[in-house]
C-alpha atoms as a PDB file:
ATOM      1  CA  MET A   1      -0.031   0.085  -0.207  1.00  0.00           C
ATOM      2  CA  ASN A   2       1.463   3.169  -0.722  1.00  0.00           C
ATOM      3  CA  TRP A   3       1.068   6.518   1.382  1.00  0.00           C
ATOM      4  CA  ASP A   4      -1.332   8.342  -1.592  1.00  0.00           C
ATOM      5  CA  ASP A   5      -3.527   5.289  -0.962  1.00  0.00           C
ATOM      6  CA  ALA A   6      -3.328   5.130   2.726  1.00  0.00           C
ATOM      7  CA  ARG A   7      -4.280   8.502   3.038  1.00  0.00           C
ATOM      8  CA  MET A   8      -7.532   8.219   0.768  1.00  0.00           C
ATOM      9  CA  PHE A   9      -8.044   4.681   3.118  1.00  0.00           C
ATOM     10  CA  LEU A  10      -7.846   6.871   6.356  1.00  0.00           C
ATOM     11  CA  ALA A  11      -9.704   9.962   5.104  1.00  0.00           C
ATOM     12  CA  VAL A  12     -12.737   7.673   4.460  1.00  0.00           C
ATOM     13  CA  CYS A  13     -12.714   5.765   7.693  1.00  0.00           C
ATOM     14  CA  ARG A  14     -12.744   9.207   9.688  1.00  0.00           C
ATOM     15  CA  GLU A  15     -15.450  10.843   7.414  1.00  0.00           C
ATOM     16  CA  SER A  16     -17.366   7.548   6.804  1.00  0.00           C
ATOM     17  CA  THR A  17     -18.500   9.340   3.370  1.00  0.00           C
ATOM     18  CA  LEU A  18     -17.092   9.361  -0.064  1.00  0.00           C
ATOM     19  CA  ARG A  19     -18.091  13.170  -0.301  1.00  0.00           C
ATOM     20  CA  GLY A  20     -16.788  13.923   3.229  1.00  0.00           C
ATOM     21  CA  ALA A  21     -13.186  12.216   2.487  1.00  0.00           C
ATOM     22  CA  ALA A  22     -12.982  14.305  -0.962  1.00  0.00           C
ATOM     23  CA  ARG A  23     -13.504  17.665   0.860  1.00  0.00           C
ATOM     24  CA  VAL A  24     -10.874  16.754   3.564  1.00  0.00           C
ATOM     25  CA  LEU A  25      -8.423  15.331   0.878  1.00  0.00           C
ATOM     26  CA  ARG A  26      -9.232  18.427  -1.508  1.00  0.00           C
ATOM     27  CA  VAL A  27      -9.868  15.815  -4.561  1.00  0.00           C
ATOM     28  CA  ASP A  28     -13.444  14.695  -6.235  1.00  0.00           C
ATOM     29  CA  GLN A  29     -15.501  12.326  -4.968  1.00  0.00           C
ATOM     30  CA  ALA A  30     -15.460   9.981  -7.754  1.00  0.00           C
ATOM     31  CA  THR A  31     -11.280   9.883  -7.595  1.00  0.00           C
ATOM     32  CA  VAL A  32     -11.972   8.567  -3.851  1.00  0.00           C
ATOM     33  CA  GLY A  33     -14.414   5.852  -4.839  1.00  0.00           C
ATOM     34  CA  ARG A  34     -12.053   4.588  -7.522  1.00  0.00           C
ATOM     35  CA  ARG A  35      -8.850   4.626  -5.375  1.00  0.00           C
ATOM     36  CA  ILE A  36     -10.892   2.668  -2.518  1.00  0.00           C
ATOM     37  CA  VAL A  37     -12.109   0.195  -4.959  1.00  0.00           C
ATOM     38  CA  ALA A  38      -8.550  -0.314  -6.723  1.00  0.00           C
ATOM     39  CA  LEU A  39      -7.232  -0.509  -2.875  1.00  0.00           C
ATOM     40  CA  GLU A  40      -9.376  -3.407  -2.106  1.00  0.00           C
ATOM     41  CA  LYS A  41      -8.669  -5.230  -5.495  1.00  0.00           C
ATOM     42  CA  SER A  42      -4.897  -4.888  -4.917  1.00  0.00           C
ATOM     43  CA  LEU A  43      -5.377  -6.297  -1.524  1.00  0.00           C
ATOM     44  CA  GLY A  44      -7.718  -8.920  -2.264  1.00  0.00           C
ATOM     45  CA  ALA A  45      -9.790  -7.516   0.522  1.00  0.00           C
ATOM     46  CA  THR A  46     -13.205  -5.783   1.344  1.00  0.00           C
ATOM     47  CA  LEU A  47     -12.168  -3.009   3.567  1.00  0.00           C
ATOM     48  CA  PHE A  48     -15.510  -1.415   3.825  1.00  0.00           C
ATOM     49  CA  LEU A  49     -19.452  -2.029   4.214  1.00  0.00           C
ATOM     50  CA  ARG A  50     -21.053   0.382   2.304  1.00  0.00           C
ATOM     51  CA  THR A  51     -24.260   1.009   3.790  1.00  0.00           C
ATOM     52  CA  SER A  52     -27.026   3.644   3.874  1.00  0.00           C
ATOM     53  CA  GLU A  53     -25.311   5.557   6.460  1.00  0.00           C
ATOM     54  CA  GLY A  54     -21.753   5.474   5.018  1.00  0.00           C
ATOM     55  CA  TYR A  55     -18.599   3.465   4.625  1.00  0.00           C
ATOM     56  CA  ALA A  56     -18.282   1.091   7.939  1.00  0.00           C
ATOM     57  CA  LEU A  57     -15.069  -0.881   8.558  1.00  0.00           C
ATOM     58  CA  THR A  58     -14.996  -4.584   7.936  1.00  0.00           C
ATOM     59  CA  ALA A  59     -13.015  -6.836  10.331  1.00  0.00           C
ATOM     60  CA  VAL A  60     -10.031  -6.536   7.902  1.00  0.00           C
ATOM     61  CA  GLY A  61     -10.363  -2.761   7.458  1.00  0.00           C
ATOM     62  CA  GLU A  62     -10.224  -2.559  11.131  1.00  0.00           C
ATOM     63  CA  ALA A  63      -7.010  -4.485  11.350  1.00  0.00           C
ATOM     64  CA  ALA A  64      -5.620  -2.258   8.223  1.00  0.00           C
ATOM     65  CA  LEU A  65      -6.359   0.927   9.750  1.00  0.00           C
ATOM     66  CA  LYS A  66      -3.992  -0.120  12.991  1.00  0.00           C
ATOM     67  CA  SER A  67      -1.181  -0.274  10.352  1.00  0.00           C
ATOM     68  CA  VAL A  68      -1.987   2.746   8.250  1.00  0.00           C
ATOM     69  CA  GLU A  69      -2.202   4.887  11.136  1.00  0.00           C
ATOM     70  CA  LYS A  70       1.613   3.673  11.882  1.00  0.00           C
ATOM     71  CA  MET A  71       2.316   4.640   8.362  1.00  0.00           C
ATOM     72  CA  GLU A  72       0.579   8.235   9.203  1.00  0.00           C
ATOM     73  CA  HIS A  73       2.575   8.672  12.241  1.00  0.00           C
ATOM     74  CA  CYS A  74       6.044   7.852  10.525  1.00  0.00           C
ATOM     75  CA  ALA A  75       5.170   9.740   7.239  1.00  0.00           C
ATOM     76  CA  LEU A  76       4.164  12.877   9.466  1.00  0.00           C
ATOM     77  CA  GLU A  77       7.073  12.308  11.819  1.00  0.00           C
ATOM     78  CA  LEU A  78       9.411  12.619   8.525  1.00  0.00           C
ATOM     79  CA  GLU A  79       7.728  15.615   7.298  1.00  0.00           C
ATOM     80  CA  ARG A  80       8.118  17.624  10.380  1.00  0.00           C
ATOM     81  CA  GLN A  81      11.674  16.513  10.903  1.00  0.00           C
ATOM     82  CA  ILE A  82      12.547  17.705   7.344  1.00  0.00           C
ATOM     83  CA  ASP A  83      10.832  20.949   7.895  1.00  0.00           C
ATOM     84  CA  GLY A  84      12.240  21.321  11.179  1.00  0.00           C
ATOM     85  CA  LEU A  85      15.653  21.762   9.268  1.00  0.00           C
ATOM     86  CA  ASP A  86      14.381  24.056   6.741  1.00  0.00           C
ATOM     87  CA  ASP A  87      16.318  27.646   7.426  1.00  0.00           C
ATOM     88  CA  ARG A  88      14.319  29.622   4.348  1.00  0.00           C
ATOM     89  CA  LEU A  89      11.963  32.501   5.519  1.00  0.00           C
ATOM     90  CA  THR A  90       9.581  31.408   3.150  1.00  0.00           C
ATOM     91  CA  GLY A  91       6.633  29.240   2.748  1.00  0.00           C
ATOM     92  CA  ILE A  92       3.329  28.595   4.262  1.00  0.00           C
ATOM     93  CA  VAL A  93       2.726  28.756   8.361  1.00  0.00           C
ATOM     94  CA  ARG A  94      -0.389  27.293   9.929  1.00  0.00           C
ATOM     95  CA  VAL A  95      -2.049  29.061  12.662  1.00  0.00           C
ATOM     96  CA  SER A  96      -4.763  28.121  14.344  1.00  0.00           C
ATOM     97  CA  THR A  97      -6.211  30.335  17.410  1.00  0.00           C
ATOM     98  CA  THR A  98      -9.638  31.683  18.517  1.00  0.00           C
ATOM     99  CA  ASP A  99     -11.523  34.490  17.000  1.00  0.00           C
ATOM    100  CA  SER A 100     -11.158  36.985  19.821  1.00  0.00           C
ATOM    101  CA  LEU A 101      -7.334  36.141  20.001  1.00  0.00           C
ATOM    102  CA  ALA A 102      -6.875  36.317  15.957  1.00  0.00           C
ATOM    103  CA  ILE A 103      -8.561  39.812  15.885  1.00  0.00           C
ATOM    104  CA  ASP A 104      -6.555  41.503  18.911  1.00  0.00           C
ATOM    105  CA  PHE A 105      -3.132  39.817  18.665  1.00  0.00           C
ATOM    106  CA  LEU A 106      -2.695  37.436  15.690  1.00  0.00           C
ATOM    107  CA  ILE A 107      -3.482  39.799  12.881  1.00  0.00           C
ATOM    108  CA  PRO A 108      -1.149  42.609  14.561  1.00  0.00           C
ATOM    109  CA  ALA A 109       1.294  39.872  14.433  1.00  0.00           C
ATOM    110  CA  VAL A 110       0.985  38.913  11.043  1.00  0.00           C
ATOM    111  CA  ALA A 111       0.833  42.514   9.843  1.00  0.00           C
ATOM    112  CA  ARG A 112       4.445  42.742  11.795  1.00  0.00           C
ATOM    113  CA  LEU A 113       5.715  39.657  10.372  1.00  0.00           C
ATOM    114  CA  HIS A 114       4.886  40.561   6.510  1.00  0.00           C
ATOM    115  CA  GLU A 115       6.820  43.929   6.973  1.00  0.00           C
ATOM    116  CA  LYS A 116      10.161  41.913   7.679  1.00  0.00           C
ATOM    117  CA  HIS A 117       9.224  38.469   5.775  1.00  0.00           C
ATOM    118  CA  PRO A 118       6.893  39.181   2.952  1.00  0.00           C
ATOM    119  CA  ASP A 119       7.855  35.716   1.483  1.00  0.00           C
ATOM    120  CA  ILE A 120       6.161  33.728   4.698  1.00  0.00           C
ATOM    121  CA  ARG A 121       2.287  33.100   4.233  1.00  0.00           C
ATOM    122  CA  VAL A 122       0.108  32.763   7.131  1.00  0.00           C
ATOM    123  CA  GLN A 123      -2.549  30.458   7.226  1.00  0.00           C
ATOM    124  CA  LEU A 124      -4.983  31.517  10.136  1.00  0.00           C
ATOM    125  CA  ASP A 125      -7.764  29.475  11.295  1.00  0.00           C
ATOM    126  CA  ALA A 126      -9.888  30.837  13.795  1.00  0.00           C
ATOM    127  CA  SER A 127     -12.324  28.325  15.330  1.00  0.00           C
ATOM    128  CA  THR A 128     -13.199  26.872  18.830  1.00  0.00           C
ATOM    129  CA  GLN A 129     -12.554  23.370  17.290  1.00  0.00           C
ATOM    130  CA  MET A 130      -9.356  21.808  18.632  1.00  0.00           C
ATOM    131  CA  ILE A 131      -7.038  20.712  16.061  1.00  0.00           C
ATOM    132  CA  SER A 132      -3.923  18.450  16.244  1.00  0.00           C
ATOM    133  CA  LEU A 133      -0.460  19.653  15.690  1.00  0.00           C
ATOM    134  CA  ALA A 134       0.702  15.907  15.485  1.00  0.00           C
ATOM    135  CA  LYS A 135      -1.230  15.382  12.326  1.00  0.00           C
ATOM    136  CA  ARG A 136       0.045  18.682  11.018  1.00  0.00           C
ATOM    137  CA  GLU A 137      -3.562  20.273  10.810  1.00  0.00           C
ATOM    138  CA  ALA A 138      -1.444  23.403  12.028  1.00  0.00           C
ATOM    139  CA  ASP A 139       2.078  24.509  13.065  1.00  0.00           C
ATOM    140  CA  ILE A 140       1.330  26.753  15.667  1.00  0.00           C
ATOM    141  CA  ALA A 141      -1.948  26.947  17.971  1.00  0.00           C
ATOM    142  CA  VAL A 142      -2.637  29.991  20.248  1.00  0.00           C
ATOM    143  CA  ARG A 143      -5.214  28.726  22.587  1.00  0.00           C
ATOM    144  CA  ASN A 144      -6.431  29.043  26.480  1.00  0.00           C
ATOM    145  CA  THR A 145      -5.669  25.109  27.183  1.00  0.00           C
ATOM    146  CA  ARG A 146      -2.245  23.758  27.653  1.00  0.00           C
ATOM    147  CA  PRO A 147      -1.993  20.397  25.666  1.00  0.00           C
ATOM    148  CA  ASP A 148      -0.575  17.077  27.576  1.00  0.00           C
ATOM    149  CA  ASN A 149       1.151  15.573  24.439  1.00  0.00           C
ATOM    150  CA  PRO A 150       4.626  15.466  25.384  1.00  0.00           C
ATOM    151  CA  ASP A 151       5.666  16.159  21.750  1.00  0.00           C
ATOM    152  CA  LEU A 152       4.352  19.349  21.857  1.00  0.00           C
ATOM    153  CA  ILE A 153       6.226  22.707  23.217  1.00  0.00           C
ATOM    154  CA  ALA A 154       3.562  24.883  25.236  1.00  0.00           C
ATOM    155  CA  ARG A 155       4.672  28.335  26.517  1.00  0.00           C
ATOM    156  CA  ARG A 156       2.330  30.958  28.266  1.00  0.00           C
ATOM    157  CA  ILE A 157       2.133  34.106  26.958  1.00  0.00           C
ATOM    158  CA  ALA A 158      -0.682  35.774  28.850  1.00  0.00           C
ATOM    159  CA  ARG A 159      -2.580  35.523  31.813  1.00  0.00           C
ATOM    160  CA  TRP A 160      -5.711  37.403  32.672  1.00  0.00           C
ATOM    161  CA  PRO A 161      -8.572  37.717  35.432  1.00  0.00           C
ATOM    162  CA  VAL A 162     -11.496  37.196  34.047  1.00  0.00           C
ATOM    163  CA  GLY A 163     -14.435  39.602  35.400  1.00  0.00           C
ATOM    164  CA  LEU A 164     -18.005  40.530  35.012  1.00  0.00           C
ATOM    165  CA  PHE A 165     -18.583  43.012  32.274  1.00  0.00           C
ATOM    166  CA  ALA A 166     -21.675  45.357  31.235  1.00  0.00           C
ATOM    167  CA  SER A 167     -22.304  48.190  28.340  1.00  0.00           C
ATOM    168  CA  GLN A 168     -22.413  51.282  29.531  1.00  0.00           C
ATOM    169  CA  GLY A 169     -26.059  51.468  28.254  1.00  0.00           C
ATOM    170  CA  TYR A 170     -27.213  48.484  30.351  1.00  0.00           C
ATOM    171  CA  VAL A 171     -25.982  49.600  33.169  1.00  0.00           C
ATOM    172  CA  ASP A 172     -27.809  53.169  32.929  1.00  0.00           C
ATOM    173  CA  VAL A 173     -30.997  51.276  32.271  1.00  0.00           C
ATOM    174  CA  ARG A 174     -30.769  48.044  34.625  1.00  0.00           C
ATOM    175  CA  GLY A 175     -28.439  49.244  37.009  1.00  0.00           C
ATOM    176  CA  VAL A 176     -25.700  47.246  38.898  1.00  0.00           C
ATOM    177  CA  PRO A 177     -26.872  43.824  40.256  1.00  0.00           C
ATOM    178  CA  THR A 178     -26.587  43.251  43.909  1.00  0.00           C
ATOM    179  CA  PRO A 179     -23.748  40.886  45.378  1.00  0.00           C
ATOM    180  CA  GLY A 180     -25.550  37.811  46.350  1.00  0.00           C
ATOM    181  CA  SER A 181     -28.790  38.450  44.505  1.00  0.00           C
ATOM    182  CA  SER A 182     -27.890  35.611  42.209  1.00  0.00           C
ATOM    183  CA  PHE A 183     -28.564  38.185  39.284  1.00  0.00           C
ATOM    184  CA  GLU A 184     -32.026  38.635  40.112  1.00  0.00           C
ATOM    185  CA  GLY A 185     -33.849  41.160  37.654  1.00  0.00           C
ATOM    186  CA  HIS A 186     -30.897  40.752  35.144  1.00  0.00           C
ATOM    187  CA  ASP A 187     -30.109  39.481  31.858  1.00  0.00           C
ATOM    188  CA  LEU A 188     -27.077  37.439  31.002  1.00  0.00           C
ATOM    189  CA  VAL A 189     -24.991  36.300  28.208  1.00  0.00           C
ATOM    190  CA  VAL A 190     -23.372  33.185  28.660  1.00  0.00           C
ATOM    191  CA  TYR A 191     -20.310  31.182  26.384  1.00  0.00           C
ATOM    192  CA  GLN A 192     -22.423  28.148  25.298  1.00  0.00           C
ATOM    193  CA  PRO A 193     -19.778  25.367  26.149  1.00  0.00           C
ATOM    194  CA  TYR A 194     -19.805  26.341  29.794  1.00  0.00           C
ATOM    195  CA  LEU A 195     -23.166  25.547  30.163  1.00  0.00           C
ATOM    196  CA  GLN A 196     -22.607  21.928  29.119  1.00  0.00           C
ATOM    197  CA  GLY A 197     -21.769  19.399  31.927  1.00  0.00           C
ATOM    198  CA  ASN A 198     -21.702  22.505  34.566  1.00  0.00           C
ATOM    199  CA  LYS A 199     -24.401  22.006  37.494  1.00  0.00           C
ATOM    200  CA  ASP A 200     -23.148  24.806  39.261  1.00  0.00           C
ATOM    201  CA  LEU A 201     -23.376  27.870  37.040  1.00  0.00           C
ATOM    202  CA  THR A 202     -21.767  31.020  38.333  1.00  0.00           C
ATOM    203  CA  LEU A 203     -20.206  34.205  36.796  1.00  0.00           C
ATOM    204  CA  VAL A 204     -17.528  35.484  39.167  1.00  0.00           C
ATOM    205  CA  SER A 205     -18.710  32.877  41.801  1.00  0.00           C
ATOM    206  CA  GLU A 206     -22.230  34.567  42.114  1.00  0.00           C
ATOM    207  CA  SER A 207     -24.932  31.978  41.319  1.00  0.00           C
ATOM    208  CA  LEU A 208     -27.065  32.310  37.934  1.00  0.00           C
ATOM    209  CA  THR A 209     -30.342  31.107  39.733  1.00  0.00           C
ATOM    210  CA  ARG A 210     -32.497  34.402  39.900  1.00  0.00           C
ATOM    211  CA  GLY A 211     -30.916  35.749  36.615  1.00  0.00           C
ATOM    212  CA  ARG A 212     -32.294  35.269  33.141  1.00  0.00           C
ATOM    213  CA  ILE A 213     -29.922  33.973  30.335  1.00  0.00           C
ATOM    214  CA  VAL A 214     -31.035  35.737  27.072  1.00  0.00           C
ATOM    215  CA  SER A 215     -28.254  34.500  25.015  1.00  0.00           C
ATOM    216  CA  THR A 216     -25.481  31.881  24.574  1.00  0.00           C
ATOM    217  CA  LEU A 217     -22.614  32.251  22.422  1.00  0.00           C
ATOM    218  CA  GLY A 218     -20.450  29.801  20.675  1.00  0.00           C
ATOM    219  CA  SER A 219     -17.147  31.945  20.725  1.00  0.00           C
ATOM    220  CA  GLY A 220     -15.366  34.442  23.073  1.00  0.00           C
ATOM    221  CA  LEU A 221     -15.897  37.267  20.503  1.00  0.00           C
ATOM    222  CA  LEU A 222     -19.805  36.629  20.308  1.00  0.00           C
ATOM    223  CA  VAL A 223     -19.735  37.067  23.999  1.00  0.00           C
ATOM    224  CA  ARG A 224     -17.901  40.043  23.890  1.00  0.00           C
ATOM    225  CA  ARG A 225     -19.928  41.540  21.393  1.00  0.00           C
ATOM    226  CA  SER A 226     -23.239  40.691  22.981  1.00  0.00           C
ATOM    227  CA  ILE A 227     -21.892  42.264  26.186  1.00  0.00           C
ATOM    228  CA  ALA A 228     -21.131  45.461  24.078  1.00  0.00           C
ATOM    229  CA  ALA A 229     -24.569  45.608  22.580  1.00  0.00           C
ATOM    230  CA  GLY A 230     -26.315  45.770  25.801  1.00  0.00           C
ATOM    231  CA  ILE A 231     -27.837  42.443  25.994  1.00  0.00           C
ATOM    232  CA  GLY A 232     -26.795  41.379  29.439  1.00  0.00           C
ATOM    233  CA  LEU A 233     -24.098  41.175  31.589  1.00  0.00           C
ATOM    234  CA  GLY A 234     -21.234  38.524  30.874  1.00  0.00           C
ATOM    235  CA  GLU A 235     -17.932  37.401  31.936  1.00  0.00           C
ATOM    236  CA  ILE A 236     -14.749  37.862  29.738  1.00  0.00           C
ATOM    237  CA  PRO A 237     -10.910  38.457  30.623  1.00  0.00           C
ATOM    238  CA  VAL A 238     -10.537  41.690  32.313  1.00  0.00           C
ATOM    239  CA  TYR A 239      -8.295  42.804  29.551  1.00  0.00           C
ATOM    240  CA  MET A 240     -10.538  42.160  26.732  1.00  0.00           C
ATOM    241  CA  GLY A 241     -13.610  44.057  28.686  1.00  0.00           C
ATOM    242  CA  GLU A 242     -11.268  46.944  29.441  1.00  0.00           C
ATOM    243  CA  ARG A 243      -9.817  47.013  25.481  1.00  0.00           C
ATOM    244  CA  ASP A 244     -13.618  47.034  24.428  1.00  0.00           C
ATOM    245  CA  GLY A 245     -14.473  50.047  26.614  1.00  0.00           C
ATOM    246  CA  LEU A 246     -17.144  47.909  28.689  1.00  0.00           C
ATOM    247  CA  VAL A 247     -17.972  48.909  32.371  1.00  0.00           C
ATOM    248  CA  ARG A 248     -16.402  46.547  35.069  1.00  0.00           C
ATOM    249  CA  VAL A 249     -19.136  45.218  37.630  1.00  0.00           C
ATOM    250  CA  TRP A 250     -18.299  44.493  40.709  1.00  0.00           C
ATOM    251  CA  PRO A 251     -14.328  45.136  40.140  1.00  0.00           C
ATOM    252  CA  GLN A 252     -13.353  43.507  43.611  1.00  0.00           C
ATOM    253  CA  ARG A 253     -14.232  39.863  41.996  1.00  0.00           C
ATOM    254  CA  THR A 254     -12.613  37.283  39.710  1.00  0.00           C
ATOM    255  CA  ARG A 255     -13.384  33.967  38.299  1.00  0.00           C
ATOM    256  CA  PRO A 256     -11.663  31.756  40.486  1.00  0.00           C
ATOM    257  CA  LEU A 257      -9.258  30.536  37.706  1.00  0.00           C
ATOM    258  CA  PRO A 258      -7.587  33.113  35.076  1.00  0.00           C
ATOM    259  CA  TYR A 259      -7.798  32.906  31.193  1.00  0.00           C
ATOM    260  CA  ASP A 260      -3.918  31.747  30.481  1.00  0.00           C
ATOM    261  CA  VAL A 261      -2.810  31.514  26.573  1.00  0.00           C
ATOM    262  CA  TRP A 262      -0.771  29.205  25.574  1.00  0.00           C
ATOM    263  CA  LEU A 263       1.417  29.402  22.393  1.00  0.00           C
ATOM    264  CA  VAL A 264       1.978  25.793  21.316  1.00  0.00           C
ATOM    265  CA  THR A 265       4.232  24.241  18.525  1.00  0.00           C
ATOM    266  CA  HIS A 266       5.246  20.828  17.619  1.00  0.00           C
ATOM    267  CA  ALA A 267       9.202  20.099  19.009  1.00  0.00           C
ATOM    268  CA  ASP A 268       9.913  19.319  15.773  1.00  0.00           C
ATOM    269  CA  LEU A 269       9.250  22.428  13.787  1.00  0.00           C
ATOM    270  CA  ARG A 270      10.471  24.990  16.826  1.00  0.00           C
ATOM    271  CA  HIS A 271      13.357  25.847  14.816  1.00  0.00           C
ATOM    272  CA  THR A 272      11.932  26.050  11.450  1.00  0.00           C
ATOM    273  CA  ALA A 273      13.052  29.634  10.132  1.00  0.00           C
ATOM    274  CA  ARG A 274       9.657  30.492   9.184  1.00  0.00           C
ATOM    275  CA  VAL A 275       7.591  29.053  12.205  1.00  0.00           C
ATOM    276  CA  ARG A 276      10.226  30.637  14.485  1.00  0.00           C
ATOM    277  CA  ALA A 277       9.628  34.295  12.889  1.00  0.00           C
ATOM    278  CA  VAL A 278       5.894  33.539  13.435  1.00  0.00           C
ATOM    279  CA  ILE A 279       6.174  32.781  16.915  1.00  0.00           C
ATOM    280  CA  ASP A 280       8.788  35.698  17.216  1.00  0.00           C
ATOM    281  CA  GLU A 281       5.902  38.089  16.333  1.00  0.00           C
ATOM    282  CA  ILE A 282       3.073  36.667  18.178  1.00  0.00           C
ATOM    283  CA  VAL A 283       5.074  36.739  21.284  1.00  0.00           C
ATOM    284  CA  GLU A 284       6.141  40.429  20.712  1.00  0.00           C
ATOM    285  CA  VAL A 285       2.814  41.558  20.094  1.00  0.00           C
ATOM    286  CA  PHE A 286       1.304  39.786  23.221  1.00  0.00           C
ATOM    287  CA  SER A 287       4.100  41.189  25.161  1.00  0.00           C
ATOM    288  CA  SER A 288       3.444  45.113  24.308  1.00  0.00           C
ATOM    289  CA  GLY A 289      -0.471  44.491  23.849  1.00  0.00           C
ATOM    290  CA  GLY A 290      -1.319  41.660  26.930  1.00  0.00           C
ATOM    291  CA  HIS A 291       0.589  40.865  30.067  1.00  0.00           C
ATOM    292  CA  LEU A 292       1.528  37.523  32.065  1.00  0.00           C
ATOM    293  CA  GLY A 293      -0.061  38.969  35.476  1.00  0.00           C
END
């Protein structure tokens, strides 16, 4: 089995459909179908059951998957090692982050980078979906979660307390909630993932039981914009609330856990010239615009 066939096989395993695999591989669906049929013919075995819900692995396919995943690991390791020796300040660097961090920090970092190294192209992806640096889905990640993979190098580049904020318009009309009132008579905006599996919901350690959650948002930037629009009170990093010109409510209170920002890359890539250049600019922008606290 060659690596191109292995990639096709893995994509179908992970996506369960030819269409999904084609999208991931950026080829047409018919090509994926032909390659899978040819692969099964060359191996003399049926790897997938074609069902109404998609492609399901046979017992032979399950056994093949384990071997192909080892192939993938070796191929990706080779790519990283080769890239790690690359001293050219040219090429693509893929960066994954959140929308808030992209707007406030990563885009300014890319602007600085472009002035110094115009031949480096940054592919910036901002989403809440976690990606795999080990699988080369990105070269650098800037996130608020530290990974536990020993092959990844993580550096904390910011630490911010998290406070309660509102717009001036909201405060003018609704006033400030009374501590200990569980937000009675007030509207709240909440980060959607926080609601999942969290029984004791609080904002800056204040129960939400008497407040009214009027909006749940799927990203930090949407929470910030909703607070700024006067929709309700919300909890965000103090740095961002002050940056947006919002009113700090109960300034003596913060969430028990601060908001940490981690810069993460794979150990094999940390000395690649273009990756190093992007990292340097990201760190510089955070150093001048944010702080570790």
